[in-house]
Amino acid sequence: KSGRAVEAAGDIDVLLLDKTGTITVGDRQ
């Protein structure tokens, strides 16, 4: 939505990710 967001992505220090669907495949086996 803005060039500021693209630029900020290059300076990221911390990345938060959901477990399900991101780190794991999402479906437990």
PDB file of all heavy atoms in Angstrom:
ATOM      1  N   LYS A   1       0.812  -1.211   0.000  1.00  0.00           N
ATOM      2  CA  LYS A   1       0.000   0.000   0.000  1.00  0.00           C
ATOM      3  C   LYS A   1       0.849   1.267   0.000  1.00  0.00           C
ATOM      4  O   LYS A   1       0.335   2.358  -0.196  1.00  0.00           O
ATOM      5  CB  LYS A   1      -0.938  -0.004   1.206  1.00  0.00           C
ATOM      6  CG  LYS A   1      -1.935  -1.163   1.177  1.00  0.00           C
ATOM      7  CD  LYS A   1      -2.831  -1.148   2.396  1.00  0.00           C
ATOM      8  CE  LYS A   1      -3.779  -2.333   2.374  1.00  0.00           C
ATOM      9  NZ  LYS A   1      -4.638  -2.378   3.578  1.00  0.00           N
ATOM     10  N   SER A   2       2.154   1.111   0.223  1.00  0.00           N
ATOM     11  CA  SER A   2       3.036   2.278   0.196  1.00  0.00           C
ATOM     12  C   SER A   2       4.472   1.817  -0.011  1.00  0.00           C
ATOM     13  O   SER A   2       4.831   0.683   0.316  1.00  0.00           O
ATOM     14  CB  SER A   2       2.946   3.068   1.512  1.00  0.00           C
ATOM     15  OG  SER A   2       3.532   2.346   2.579  1.00  0.00           O
ATOM     16  N   GLY A   3       5.293   2.727  -0.564  1.00  0.00           N
ATOM     17  CA  GLY A   3       6.717   2.429  -0.701  1.00  0.00           C
ATOM     18  C   GLY A   3       7.391   2.315   0.651  1.00  0.00           C
ATOM     19  O   GLY A   3       8.395   1.617   0.812  1.00  0.00           O
ATOM     20  N   ARG A   4       6.846   3.007   1.655  1.00  0.00           N
ATOM     21  CA  ARG A   4       7.409   2.937   3.011  1.00  0.00           C
ATOM     22  C   ARG A   4       7.409   1.499   3.521  1.00  0.00           C
ATOM     23  O   ARG A   4       8.357   1.056   4.177  1.00  0.00           O
ATOM     24  CB  ARG A   4       6.597   3.830   3.942  1.00  0.00           C
ATOM     25  CG  ARG A   4       7.128   3.896   5.372  1.00  0.00           C
ATOM     26  CD  ARG A   4       6.144   4.638   6.258  1.00  0.00           C
ATOM     27  NE  ARG A   4       6.013   6.028   5.855  1.00  0.00           N
ATOM     28  CZ  ARG A   4       6.734   7.014   6.382  1.00  0.00           C
ATOM     29  NH1 ARG A   4       7.625   6.755   7.316  1.00  0.00           N
ATOM     30  NH2 ARG A   4       6.555   8.250   5.976  1.00  0.00           N
ATOM     31  N   ALA A   5       6.337   0.745   3.209  1.00  0.00           N
ATOM     32  CA  ALA A   5       6.248  -0.639   3.672  1.00  0.00           C
ATOM     33  C   ALA A   5       7.325  -1.502   3.028  1.00  0.00           C
ATOM     34  O   ALA A   5       7.944  -2.348   3.684  1.00  0.00           O
ATOM     35  CB  ALA A   5       4.865  -1.207   3.357  1.00  0.00           C
ATOM     36  N   VAL A   6       7.580  -1.292   1.726  1.00  0.00           N
ATOM     37  CA  VAL A   6       8.618  -2.059   1.033  1.00  0.00           C
ATOM     38  C   VAL A   6       9.977  -1.769   1.646  1.00  0.00           C
ATOM     39  O   VAL A   6      10.783  -2.671   1.886  1.00  0.00           O
ATOM     40  CB  VAL A   6       8.637  -1.721  -0.471  1.00  0.00           C
ATOM     41  CG1 VAL A   6       9.645  -2.595  -1.206  1.00  0.00           C
ATOM     42  CG2 VAL A   6       7.257  -1.903  -1.076  1.00  0.00           C
ATOM     43  N   GLU A   7      10.226  -0.498   1.892  1.00  0.00           N
ATOM     44  CA  GLU A   7      11.512  -0.103   2.449  1.00  0.00           C
ATOM     45  C   GLU A   7      11.683  -0.635   3.870  1.00  0.00           C
ATOM     46  O   GLU A   7      12.756  -1.104   4.250  1.00  0.00           O
ATOM     47  CB  GLU A   7      11.611   1.419   2.451  1.00  0.00           C
ATOM     48  CG  GLU A   7      13.043   1.925   2.386  1.00  0.00           C
ATOM     49  CD  GLU A   7      13.058   3.391   2.003  1.00  0.00           C
ATOM     50  OE1 GLU A   7      12.792   4.223   2.881  1.00  0.00           O
ATOM     51  OE2 GLU A   7      13.332   3.692   0.836  1.00  0.00           O
ATOM     52  N   ALA A   8      10.588  -0.579   4.660  1.00  0.00           N
ATOM     53  CA  ALA A   8      10.656  -1.075   6.032  1.00  0.00           C
ATOM     54  C   ALA A   8      10.963  -2.564   6.056  1.00  0.00           C
ATOM     55  O   ALA A   8      11.648  -3.049   6.968  1.00  0.00           O
ATOM     56  CB  ALA A   8       9.340  -0.796   6.752  1.00  0.00           C
ATOM     57  N   ALA A   9      10.479  -3.300   5.042  1.00  0.00           N
ATOM     58  CA  ALA A   9      10.740  -4.738   4.983  1.00  0.00           C
ATOM     59  C   ALA A   9      12.237  -5.030   4.914  1.00  0.00           C
ATOM     60  O   ALA A   9      12.697  -6.063   5.399  1.00  0.00           O
ATOM     61  CB  ALA A   9      10.033  -5.360   3.782  1.00  0.00           C
ATOM     62  N   GLY A  10      12.987  -4.120   4.329  1.00  0.00           N
ATOM     63  CA  GLY A  10      14.432  -4.318   4.230  1.00  0.00           C
ATOM     64  C   GLY A  10      15.177  -4.072   5.524  1.00  0.00           C
ATOM     65  O   GLY A  10      16.346  -4.437   5.644  1.00  0.00           O
ATOM     66  N   ASP A  11      14.501  -3.448   6.501  1.00  0.00           N
ATOM     67  CA  ASP A  11      15.154  -3.138   7.780  1.00  0.00           C
ATOM     68  C   ASP A  11      14.586  -3.930   8.942  1.00  0.00           C
ATOM     69  O   ASP A  11      14.820  -3.604  10.106  1.00  0.00           O
ATOM     70  CB  ASP A  11      15.007  -1.637   8.086  1.00  0.00           C
ATOM     71  CG  ASP A  11      15.939  -0.778   7.238  1.00  0.00           C
ATOM     72  OD1 ASP A  11      17.027  -1.285   6.894  1.00  0.00           O
ATOM     73  OD2 ASP A  11      15.587   0.361   6.922  1.00  0.00           O
ATOM     74  N   ILE A  12      13.820  -4.986   8.648  1.00  0.00           N
ATOM     75  CA  ILE A  12      13.141  -5.745   9.695  1.00  0.00           C
ATOM     76  C   ILE A  12      14.152  -6.400  10.642  1.00  0.00           C
ATOM     77  O   ILE A  12      15.163  -6.953  10.219  1.00  0.00           O
ATOM     78  CB  ILE A  12      12.226  -6.815   9.051  1.00  0.00           C
ATOM     79  CG1 ILE A  12      11.008  -6.156   8.437  1.00  0.00           C
ATOM     80  CG2 ILE A  12      11.800  -7.859  10.059  1.00  0.00           C
ATOM     81  CD1 ILE A  12      10.177  -5.374   9.403  1.00  0.00           C
ATOM     82  N   ASP A  13      13.847  -6.334  11.939  1.00  0.00           N
ATOM     83  CA  ASP A  13      14.677  -6.976  12.959  1.00  0.00           C
ATOM     84  C   ASP A  13      14.027  -8.235  13.519  1.00  0.00           C
ATOM     85  O   ASP A  13      14.711  -9.172  13.920  1.00  0.00           O
ATOM     86  CB  ASP A  13      14.932  -6.004  14.118  1.00  0.00           C
ATOM     87  CG  ASP A  13      15.612  -4.731  13.679  1.00  0.00           C
ATOM     88  OD1 ASP A  13      16.750  -4.825  13.186  1.00  0.00           O
ATOM     89  OD2 ASP A  13      15.023  -3.649  13.819  1.00  0.00           O
ATOM     90  N   VAL A  14      12.690  -8.227  13.609  1.00  0.00           N
ATOM     91  CA  VAL A  14      11.949  -9.341  14.206  1.00  0.00           C
ATOM     92  C   VAL A  14      10.840  -9.764  13.259  1.00  0.00           C
ATOM     93  O   VAL A  14      10.118  -8.926  12.724  1.00  0.00           O
ATOM     94  CB  VAL A  14      11.341  -8.945  15.572  1.00  0.00           C
ATOM     95  CG1 VAL A  14      10.614 -10.135  16.193  1.00  0.00           C
ATOM     96  CG2 VAL A  14      12.416  -8.438  16.517  1.00  0.00           C
ATOM     97  N   LEU A  15      10.711 -11.070  13.056  1.00  0.00           N
ATOM     98  CA  LEU A  15       9.700 -11.613  12.161  1.00  0.00           C
ATOM     99  C   LEU A  15       8.795 -12.550  12.954  1.00  0.00           C
ATOM    100  O   LEU A  15       9.256 -13.538  13.533  1.00  0.00           O
ATOM    101  CB  LEU A  15      10.385 -12.375  11.021  1.00  0.00           C
ATOM    102  CG  LEU A  15       9.512 -12.959   9.924  1.00  0.00           C
ATOM    103  CD1 LEU A  15       8.688 -11.873   9.255  1.00  0.00           C
ATOM    104  CD2 LEU A  15      10.369 -13.673   8.896  1.00  0.00           C
ATOM    105  N   LEU A  16       7.484 -12.224  13.014  1.00  0.00           N
ATOM    106  CA  LEU A  16       6.509 -13.058  13.713  1.00  0.00           C
ATOM    107  C   LEU A  16       5.756 -13.904  12.693  1.00  0.00           C
ATOM    108  O   LEU A  16       5.233 -13.371  11.711  1.00  0.00           O
ATOM    109  CB  LEU A  16       5.513 -12.192  14.488  1.00  0.00           C
ATOM    110  CG  LEU A  16       6.084 -11.132  15.433  1.00  0.00           C
ATOM    111  CD1 LEU A  16       4.955 -10.432  16.173  1.00  0.00           C
ATOM    112  CD2 LEU A  16       7.059 -11.736  16.409  1.00  0.00           C
ATOM    113  N   LEU A  17       5.695 -15.215  12.925  1.00  0.00           N
ATOM    114  CA  LEU A  17       5.004 -16.110  12.001  1.00  0.00           C
ATOM    115  C   LEU A  17       4.085 -17.043  12.766  1.00  0.00           C
ATOM    116  O   LEU A  17       4.459 -17.589  13.812  1.00  0.00           O
ATOM    117  CB  LEU A  17       6.002 -16.958  11.209  1.00  0.00           C
ATOM    118  CG  LEU A  17       7.047 -16.217  10.389  1.00  0.00           C
ATOM    119  CD1 LEU A  17       8.398 -16.292  11.080  1.00  0.00           C
ATOM    120  CD2 LEU A  17       7.158 -16.793   8.988  1.00  0.00           C
ATOM    121  N   ASP A  18       2.854 -17.213  12.254  1.00  0.00           N
ATOM    122  CA  ASP A  18       1.951 -18.212  12.817  1.00  0.00           C
ATOM    123  C   ASP A  18       2.534 -19.599  12.587  1.00  0.00           C
ATOM    124  O   ASP A  18       3.155 -19.853  11.558  1.00  0.00           O
ATOM    125  CB  ASP A  18       0.575 -18.118  12.160  1.00  0.00           C
ATOM    126  CG  ASP A  18      -0.249 -16.982  12.741  1.00  0.00           C
ATOM    127  OD1 ASP A  18      -0.032 -16.640  13.916  1.00  0.00           O
ATOM    128  OD2 ASP A  18      -1.091 -16.434  12.017  1.00  0.00           O
ATOM    129  N   LYS A  19       2.280 -20.490  13.556  1.00  0.00           N
ATOM    130  CA  LYS A  19       2.783 -21.851  13.404  1.00  0.00           C
ATOM    131  C   LYS A  19       2.030 -22.597  12.306  1.00  0.00           C
ATOM    132  O   LYS A  19       2.617 -23.065  11.333  1.00  0.00           O
ATOM    133  CB  LYS A  19       2.642 -22.614  14.721  1.00  0.00           C
ATOM    134  CG  LYS A  19       3.185 -24.044  14.670  1.00  0.00           C
ATOM    135  CD  LYS A  19       2.575 -24.930  15.739  1.00  0.00           C
ATOM    136  CE  LYS A  19       1.150 -25.293  15.389  1.00  0.00           C
ATOM    137  NZ  LYS A  19       0.547 -26.263  16.310  1.00  0.00           N
ATOM    138  N   THR A  20       0.712 -22.672  12.448  1.00  0.00           N
ATOM    139  CA  THR A  20      -0.094 -23.486  11.545  1.00  0.00           C
ATOM    140  C   THR A  20      -0.171 -22.856  10.160  1.00  0.00           C
ATOM    141  O   THR A  20      -0.556 -21.705  10.009  1.00  0.00           O
ATOM    142  CB  THR A  20      -1.513 -23.669  12.111  1.00  0.00           C
ATOM    143  OG1 THR A  20      -1.420 -24.215  13.422  1.00  0.00           O
ATOM    144  CG2 THR A  20      -2.326 -24.606  11.227  1.00  0.00           C
ATOM    145  N   GLY A  21       0.229 -23.629   9.171  1.00  0.00           N
ATOM    146  CA  GLY A  21       0.166 -23.157   7.794  1.00  0.00           C
ATOM    147  C   GLY A  21       1.389 -22.383   7.353  1.00  0.00           C
ATOM    148  O   GLY A  21       1.572 -22.158   6.162  1.00  0.00           O
ATOM    149  N   THR A  22       2.198 -21.962   8.303  1.00  0.00           N
ATOM    150  CA  THR A  22       3.399 -21.203   7.957  1.00  0.00           C
ATOM    151  C   THR A  22       4.643 -22.024   8.251  1.00  0.00           C
ATOM    152  O   THR A  22       5.448 -22.304   7.372  1.00  0.00           O
ATOM    153  CB  THR A  22       3.450 -19.881   8.746  1.00  0.00           C
ATOM    154  OG1 THR A  22       2.255 -19.155   8.519  1.00  0.00           O
ATOM    155  CG2 THR A  22       4.648 -19.050   8.330  1.00  0.00           C
ATOM    156  N   ILE A  23       4.764 -22.433   9.507  1.00  0.00           N
ATOM    157  CA  ILE A  23       5.903 -23.249   9.911  1.00  0.00           C
ATOM    158  C   ILE A  23       5.584 -24.729   9.726  1.00  0.00           C
ATOM    159  O   ILE A  23       6.427 -25.513   9.290  1.00  0.00           O
ATOM    160  CB  ILE A  23       6.286 -22.939  11.366  1.00  0.00           C
ATOM    161  CG1 ILE A  23       6.800 -21.490  11.455  1.00  0.00           C
ATOM    162  CG2 ILE A  23       7.331 -23.912  11.887  1.00  0.00           C
ATOM    163  CD1 ILE A  23       7.054 -21.017  12.868  1.00  0.00           C
ATOM    164  N   THR A  24       4.350 -25.106  10.030  1.00  0.00           N
ATOM    165  CA  THR A  24       3.910 -26.487   9.801  1.00  0.00           C
ATOM    166  C   THR A  24       3.001 -26.528   8.576  1.00  0.00           C
ATOM    167  O   THR A  24       2.517 -25.495   8.117  1.00  0.00           O
ATOM    168  CB  THR A  24       3.158 -27.036  11.028  1.00  0.00           C
ATOM    169  OG1 THR A  24       1.950 -26.284  11.201  1.00  0.00           O
ATOM    170  CG2 THR A  24       4.018 -26.910  12.274  1.00  0.00           C
ATOM    171  N   VAL A  25       2.748 -27.730   8.072  1.00  0.00           N
ATOM    172  CA  VAL A  25       1.936 -27.856   6.868  1.00  0.00           C
ATOM    173  C   VAL A  25       0.479 -27.512   7.121  1.00  0.00           C
ATOM    174  O   VAL A  25      -0.291 -27.306   6.192  1.00  0.00           O
ATOM    175  CB  VAL A  25       2.030 -29.284   6.279  1.00  0.00           C
ATOM    176  CG1 VAL A  25       3.425 -29.586   5.798  1.00  0.00           C
ATOM    177  CG2 VAL A  25       1.558 -30.317   7.290  1.00  0.00           C
ATOM    178  N   GLY A  26       0.086 -27.447   8.386  1.00  0.00           N
ATOM    179  CA  GLY A  26      -1.266 -27.012   8.718  1.00  0.00           C
ATOM    180  C   GLY A  26      -2.182 -28.141   9.132  1.00  0.00           C
ATOM    181  O   GLY A  26      -3.081 -27.955   9.947  1.00  0.00           O
ATOM    182  N   ASP A  27      -1.993 -29.335   8.605  1.00  0.00           N
ATOM    183  CA  ASP A  27      -2.836 -30.477   8.952  1.00  0.00           C
ATOM    184  C   ASP A  27      -2.023 -31.458   9.783  1.00  0.00           C
ATOM    185  O   ASP A  27      -1.006 -31.983   9.325  1.00  0.00           O
ATOM    186  CB  ASP A  27      -3.350 -31.182   7.689  1.00  0.00           C
ATOM    187  CG  ASP A  27      -4.233 -30.279   6.850  1.00  0.00           C
ATOM    188  OD1 ASP A  27      -4.914 -29.436   7.443  1.00  0.00           O
ATOM    189  OD2 ASP A  27      -4.226 -30.429   5.611  1.00  0.00           O
ATOM    190  N   ARG A  28      -2.484 -31.719  11.003  1.00  0.00           N
ATOM    191  CA  ARG A  28      -1.781 -32.681  11.857  1.00  0.00           C
ATOM    192  C   ARG A  28      -2.010 -34.098  11.341  1.00  0.00           C
ATOM    193  O   ARG A  28      -3.081 -34.413  10.822  1.00  0.00           O
ATOM    194  CB  ARG A  28      -2.268 -32.549  13.303  1.00  0.00           C
ATOM    195  CG  ARG A  28      -1.944 -31.213  13.935  1.00  0.00           C
ATOM    196  CD  ARG A  28      -2.628 -31.042  15.268  1.00  0.00           C
ATOM    197  NE  ARG A  28      -4.088 -31.113  15.126  1.00  0.00           N
ATOM    198  CZ  ARG A  28      -4.935 -31.069  16.142  1.00  0.00           C
ATOM    199  NH1 ARG A  28      -4.479 -30.970  17.372  1.00  0.00           N
ATOM    200  NH2 ARG A  28      -6.239 -31.134  15.935  1.00  0.00           N
ATOM    201  N   GLN A  29      -1.002 -34.924  11.478  1.00  0.00           N
ATOM    202  CA  GLN A  29      -1.055 -36.292  10.971  1.00  0.00           C
ATOM    203  C   GLN A  29      -0.875 -37.282  12.126  1.00  0.00           C
ATOM    204  O   GLN A  29      -0.008 -37.102  12.983  1.00  0.00           O
ATOM    205  CB  GLN A  29       0.052 -36.531   9.945  1.00  0.00           C
ATOM    206  CG  GLN A  29       0.013 -35.576   8.761  1.00  0.00           C
ATOM    207  CD  GLN A  29      -1.184 -35.825   7.868  1.00  0.00           C
ATOM    208  OE1 GLN A  29      -1.452 -36.958   7.458  1.00  0.00           O
ATOM    209  NE2 GLN A  29      -1.927 -34.762   7.570  1.00  0.00           N
TER     210      GLN A  29
END
